[in-house]
Amino acid sequence: MAFVKSKLLKQLSKDYPNFLKKDLTKFIEIVLSEIKKTLKRGERVELRNFGVFSTKIQKARISRNPKTGEKVSTPEKKTIHFKMSKDLYKNLNNEKK
């Protein structure tokens, strides 16, 4: 089961009933927008006790079309890399701090 923005909004509005839903929506949009802008600039995003998002450059290469076997030139592109924090790792694996 995926964790989507609508579920996040629902959980936040349940946990913080004194905030308006439209304000929480705007807050989520601002946070995600800032993360996107930062990654687009090539900078890293660190969320304490959660993890770090950074961009890596995937080199241009020659790949194959799996359907036809034809060689295809794949251009250089940026990808997003995520490294979880030690706290999140321990929490996922039920280890004590």
N, C-alpha and C. Protein backbone atom coordinates (compact mmCIF):
# COMPACT_ATOMS: atom_id res chain seq x y z
N MET A 1 0.85 -1.18 0.00
CA MET A 1 0.00 0.00 0.00
C MET A 1 0.89 1.24 0.00
N ALA A 2 0.61 2.14 -0.86
CA ALA A 2 1.40 3.37 -1.00
C ALA A 2 0.89 4.44 -0.04
N PHE A 3 1.80 5.30 0.34
CA PHE A 3 1.46 6.45 1.17
C PHE A 3 1.40 7.65 0.25
N VAL A 4 0.21 8.17 0.01
CA VAL A 4 0.02 9.25 -0.95
C VAL A 4 -0.29 10.56 -0.23
N LYS A 5 -0.22 11.64 -0.99
CA LYS A 5 -0.41 12.98 -0.43
C LYS A 5 -1.76 13.13 0.24
N SER A 6 -2.81 12.54 -0.33
CA SER A 6 -4.15 12.66 0.26
C SER A 6 -4.22 11.98 1.63
N LYS A 7 -3.52 10.85 1.78
CA LYS A 7 -3.49 10.16 3.08
C LYS A 7 -2.70 10.98 4.10
N LEU A 8 -1.62 11.60 3.64
CA LEU A 8 -0.84 12.46 4.52
C LEU A 8 -1.69 13.63 5.00
N LEU A 9 -2.43 14.23 4.10
CA LEU A 9 -3.32 15.34 4.45
C LEU A 9 -4.39 14.89 5.44
N LYS A 10 -4.96 13.73 5.21
CA LYS A 10 -5.99 13.20 6.10
C LYS A 10 -5.43 12.96 7.51
N GLN A 11 -4.22 12.39 7.57
CA GLN A 11 -3.59 12.11 8.87
C GLN A 11 -3.23 13.41 9.60
N LEU A 12 -2.71 14.38 8.87
CA LEU A 12 -2.38 15.67 9.49
C LEU A 12 -3.63 16.38 10.01
N SER A 13 -4.71 16.34 9.24
CA SER A 13 -5.94 17.01 9.69
C SER A 13 -6.54 16.29 10.88
N LYS A 14 -6.31 14.98 10.97
CA LYS A 14 -6.79 14.23 12.15
C LYS A 14 -5.94 14.55 13.38
N ASP A 15 -4.62 14.64 13.18
CA ASP A 15 -3.70 14.92 14.29
C ASP A 15 -3.75 16.38 14.74
N TYR A 16 -4.05 17.28 13.82
CA TYR A 16 -4.09 18.71 14.12
C TYR A 16 -5.44 19.29 13.70
N PRO A 17 -6.49 19.01 14.45
CA PRO A 17 -7.84 19.44 14.05
C PRO A 17 -8.05 20.95 14.07
N ASN A 18 -7.20 21.69 14.79
CA ASN A 18 -7.36 23.14 14.86
C ASN A 18 -6.81 23.86 13.62
N PHE A 19 -6.14 23.15 12.72
CA PHE A 19 -5.68 23.74 11.46
C PHE A 19 -6.70 23.47 10.37
N LEU A 20 -6.92 24.45 9.52
CA LEU A 20 -7.83 24.26 8.40
C LEU A 20 -7.20 23.33 7.36
N LYS A 21 -8.03 22.55 6.70
CA LYS A 21 -7.54 21.59 5.71
C LYS A 21 -6.82 22.31 4.56
N LYS A 22 -7.33 23.47 4.16
CA LYS A 22 -6.69 24.21 3.06
C LYS A 22 -5.30 24.72 3.47
N ASP A 23 -5.13 25.06 4.76
CA ASP A 23 -3.81 25.50 5.24
C ASP A 23 -2.82 24.33 5.25
N LEU A 24 -3.30 23.16 5.66
CA LEU A 24 -2.43 21.98 5.66
C LEU A 24 -2.05 21.59 4.23
N THR A 25 -3.00 21.71 3.32
CA THR A 25 -2.73 21.42 1.91
C THR A 25 -1.66 22.36 1.38
N LYS A 26 -1.80 23.64 1.68
CA LYS A 26 -0.82 24.64 1.24
C LYS A 26 0.56 24.35 1.84
N PHE A 27 0.59 23.94 3.11
CA PHE A 27 1.84 23.61 3.79
C PHE A 27 2.54 22.44 3.08
N ILE A 28 1.79 21.39 2.78
CA ILE A 28 2.36 20.22 2.10
C ILE A 28 2.90 20.62 0.73
N GLU A 29 2.13 21.43 0.00
CA GLU A 29 2.55 21.88 -1.33
C GLU A 29 3.84 22.70 -1.26
N ILE A 30 3.95 23.57 -0.26
CA ILE A 30 5.15 24.40 -0.10
C ILE A 30 6.37 23.54 0.20
N VAL A 31 6.22 22.59 1.12
CA VAL A 31 7.35 21.72 1.49
C VAL A 31 7.81 20.90 0.29
N LEU A 32 6.89 20.27 -0.41
CA LEU A 32 7.26 19.46 -1.57
C LEU A 32 7.86 20.31 -2.69
N SER A 33 7.33 21.51 -2.87
CA SER A 33 7.85 22.42 -3.88
C SER A 33 9.30 22.82 -3.57
N GLU A 34 9.57 23.12 -2.31
CA GLU A 34 10.93 23.50 -1.92
C GLU A 34 11.91 22.35 -2.08
N ILE A 35 11.46 21.13 -1.77
CA ILE A 35 12.32 19.96 -1.97
C ILE A 35 12.64 19.81 -3.45
N LYS A 36 11.64 19.95 -4.32
CA LYS A 36 11.85 19.84 -5.77
C LYS A 36 12.81 20.91 -6.27
N LYS A 37 12.62 22.16 -5.83
CA LYS A 37 13.48 23.25 -6.28
C LYS A 37 14.92 23.02 -5.85
N THR A 38 15.11 22.56 -4.63
CA THR A 38 16.46 22.33 -4.10
C THR A 38 17.16 21.22 -4.89
N LEU A 39 16.44 20.13 -5.16
CA LEU A 39 17.03 19.04 -5.94
C LEU A 39 17.33 19.48 -7.37
N LYS A 40 16.47 20.31 -7.93
CA LYS A 40 16.69 20.79 -9.29
C LYS A 40 17.96 21.64 -9.38
N ARG A 41 18.27 22.38 -8.29
CA ARG A 41 19.50 23.19 -8.25
C ARG A 41 20.74 22.32 -8.03
N GLY A 42 20.53 21.03 -7.75
CA GLY A 42 21.67 20.13 -7.54
C GLY A 42 22.11 20.06 -6.09
N GLU A 43 21.35 20.63 -5.19
CA GLU A 43 21.69 20.60 -3.77
C GLU A 43 21.01 19.41 -3.10
N ARG A 44 21.49 19.04 -1.92
CA ARG A 44 20.89 17.92 -1.21
C ARG A 44 19.87 18.41 -0.18
N VAL A 45 18.91 17.54 0.12
CA VAL A 45 17.87 17.84 1.10
C VAL A 45 18.01 16.85 2.24
N GLU A 46 18.25 17.37 3.43
CA GLU A 46 18.43 16.50 4.60
C GLU A 46 17.26 16.71 5.56
N LEU A 47 16.55 15.63 5.84
CA LEU A 47 15.46 15.64 6.81
C LEU A 47 15.93 14.82 8.00
N ARG A 48 16.23 15.49 9.10
CA ARG A 48 16.79 14.83 10.28
C ARG A 48 15.93 13.66 10.72
N ASN A 49 16.58 12.59 11.12
CA ASN A 49 15.94 11.34 11.58
C ASN A 49 15.09 10.69 10.50
N PHE A 50 15.21 11.10 9.25
CA PHE A 50 14.49 10.47 8.16
C PHE A 50 15.45 10.04 7.06
N GLY A 51 16.16 11.01 6.46
CA GLY A 51 17.11 10.66 5.43
C GLY A 51 17.55 11.85 4.60
N VAL A 52 18.32 11.56 3.56
CA VAL A 52 18.88 12.58 2.69
C VAL A 52 18.51 12.27 1.25
N PHE A 53 17.99 13.28 0.54
CA PHE A 53 17.73 13.19 -0.89
C PHE A 53 18.84 13.95 -1.59
N SER A 54 19.39 13.37 -2.64
CA SER A 54 20.39 14.07 -3.43
C SER A 54 20.23 13.63 -4.89
N THR A 55 20.86 14.39 -5.80
CA THR A 55 20.78 14.03 -7.21
C THR A 55 22.10 13.42 -7.65
N LYS A 56 22.02 12.49 -8.56
CA LYS A 56 23.20 11.88 -9.15
C LYS A 56 23.01 11.95 -10.66
N ILE A 57 24.11 12.03 -11.37
CA ILE A 57 24.04 12.09 -12.83
C ILE A 57 24.29 10.70 -13.38
N GLN A 58 23.35 10.23 -14.18
CA GLN A 58 23.49 8.94 -14.85
C GLN A 58 24.07 9.23 -16.23
N LYS A 59 25.22 8.64 -16.52
CA LYS A 59 25.93 8.91 -17.76
C LYS A 59 25.13 8.47 -18.98
N ALA A 60 25.41 9.11 -20.09
CA ALA A 60 24.80 8.71 -21.37
C ALA A 60 25.33 7.32 -21.72
N ARG A 61 24.49 6.50 -22.35
CA ARG A 61 24.91 5.14 -22.67
C ARG A 61 24.12 4.62 -23.86
N ILE A 62 24.57 3.51 -24.34
CA ILE A 62 23.87 2.81 -25.42
C ILE A 62 23.09 1.67 -24.75
N SER A 63 21.78 1.66 -24.93
CA SER A 63 20.95 0.59 -24.35
C SER A 63 20.21 -0.11 -25.48
N ARG A 64 19.43 -1.10 -25.12
CA ARG A 64 18.69 -1.87 -26.13
C ARG A 64 17.20 -1.79 -25.88
N ASN A 65 16.45 -1.72 -26.97
CA ASN A 65 15.00 -1.81 -26.90
C ASN A 65 14.68 -3.30 -26.67
N PRO A 66 14.07 -3.64 -25.52
CA PRO A 66 13.84 -5.06 -25.22
C PRO A 66 12.90 -5.76 -26.21
N LYS A 67 12.03 -4.99 -26.84
CA LYS A 67 11.07 -5.58 -27.76
C LYS A 67 11.71 -5.96 -29.09
N THR A 68 12.56 -5.07 -29.61
CA THR A 68 13.14 -5.31 -30.94
C THR A 68 14.62 -5.68 -30.89
N GLY A 69 15.30 -5.42 -29.77
CA GLY A 69 16.73 -5.68 -29.67
C GLY A 69 17.57 -4.59 -30.32
N GLU A 70 16.92 -3.55 -30.82
CA GLU A 70 17.60 -2.45 -31.50
C GLU A 70 18.37 -1.60 -30.49
N LYS A 71 19.56 -1.14 -30.87
CA LYS A 71 20.36 -0.27 -30.00
C LYS A 71 19.74 1.12 -29.97
N VAL A 72 19.68 1.71 -28.76
CA VAL A 72 19.10 3.03 -28.58
C VAL A 72 20.07 3.87 -27.75
N SER A 73 20.27 5.09 -28.16
CA SER A 73 21.14 6.00 -27.41
C SER A 73 20.33 6.64 -26.28
N THR A 74 20.77 6.44 -25.03
CA THR A 74 20.10 7.03 -23.88
C THR A 74 20.93 8.22 -23.41
N PRO A 75 20.36 9.43 -23.36
CA PRO A 75 21.14 10.62 -22.97
C PRO A 75 21.43 10.65 -21.47
N GLU A 76 22.38 11.51 -21.11
CA GLU A 76 22.70 11.73 -19.70
C GLU A 76 21.48 12.32 -19.00
N LYS A 77 21.25 11.90 -17.75
CA LYS A 77 20.10 12.43 -17.01
C LYS A 77 20.39 12.42 -15.52
N LYS A 78 19.62 13.23 -14.80
CA LYS A 78 19.72 13.28 -13.34
C LYS A 78 18.74 12.30 -12.73
N THR A 79 19.17 11.64 -11.66
CA THR A 79 18.28 10.76 -10.90
C THR A 79 18.33 11.17 -9.45
N ILE A 80 17.30 10.81 -8.70
CA ILE A 80 17.24 11.14 -7.28
C ILE A 80 17.70 9.93 -6.48
N HIS A 81 18.60 10.19 -5.54
CA HIS A 81 19.13 9.15 -4.66
C HIS A 81 18.64 9.45 -3.25
N PHE A 82 18.19 8.41 -2.54
CA PHE A 82 17.73 8.57 -1.15
C PHE A 82 18.55 7.67 -0.26
N LYS A 83 19.06 8.23 0.83
CA LYS A 83 19.77 7.45 1.83
C LYS A 83 19.07 7.67 3.16
N MET A 84 18.57 6.59 3.74
CA MET A 84 17.84 6.73 5.00
C MET A 84 18.79 6.95 6.15
N SER A 85 18.26 7.59 7.21
CA SER A 85 19.06 7.86 8.40
C SER A 85 19.21 6.58 9.21
N LYS A 86 20.18 6.57 10.12
CA LYS A 86 20.39 5.41 10.99
C LYS A 86 19.17 5.19 11.87
N ASP A 87 18.54 6.29 12.33
CA ASP A 87 17.35 6.16 13.17
C ASP A 87 16.22 5.46 12.43
N LEU A 88 15.97 5.85 11.17
CA LEU A 88 14.93 5.22 10.38
C LEU A 88 15.26 3.75 10.11
N TYR A 89 16.53 3.48 9.83
CA TYR A 89 16.96 2.11 9.58
C TYR A 89 16.69 1.23 10.81
N LYS A 90 17.08 1.75 11.98
CA LYS A 90 16.86 0.98 13.21
C LYS A 90 15.38 0.81 13.50
N ASN A 91 14.59 1.84 13.24
CA ASN A 91 13.15 1.77 13.46
C ASN A 91 12.52 0.73 12.54
N LEU A 92 12.92 0.69 11.27
CA LEU A 92 12.38 -0.29 10.32
C LEU A 92 12.74 -1.71 10.69
N ASN A 93 13.92 -1.88 11.27
CA ASN A 93 14.41 -3.21 11.59
C ASN A 93 14.23 -3.58 13.07
N ASN A 94 13.41 -2.81 13.77
CA ASN A 94 13.08 -3.07 15.18
C ASN A 94 14.31 -3.21 16.07
N GLU A 95 15.33 -2.41 15.80
CA GLU A 95 16.52 -2.39 16.62
C GLU A 95 16.40 -1.28 17.64
N LYS A 96 17.06 -1.44 18.77
CA LYS A 96 17.06 -0.39 19.79
C LYS A 96 18.14 0.61 19.46
N LYS A 97 17.91 1.86 19.88
CA LYS A 97 18.88 2.94 19.62
C LYS A 97 20.09 2.81 20.50
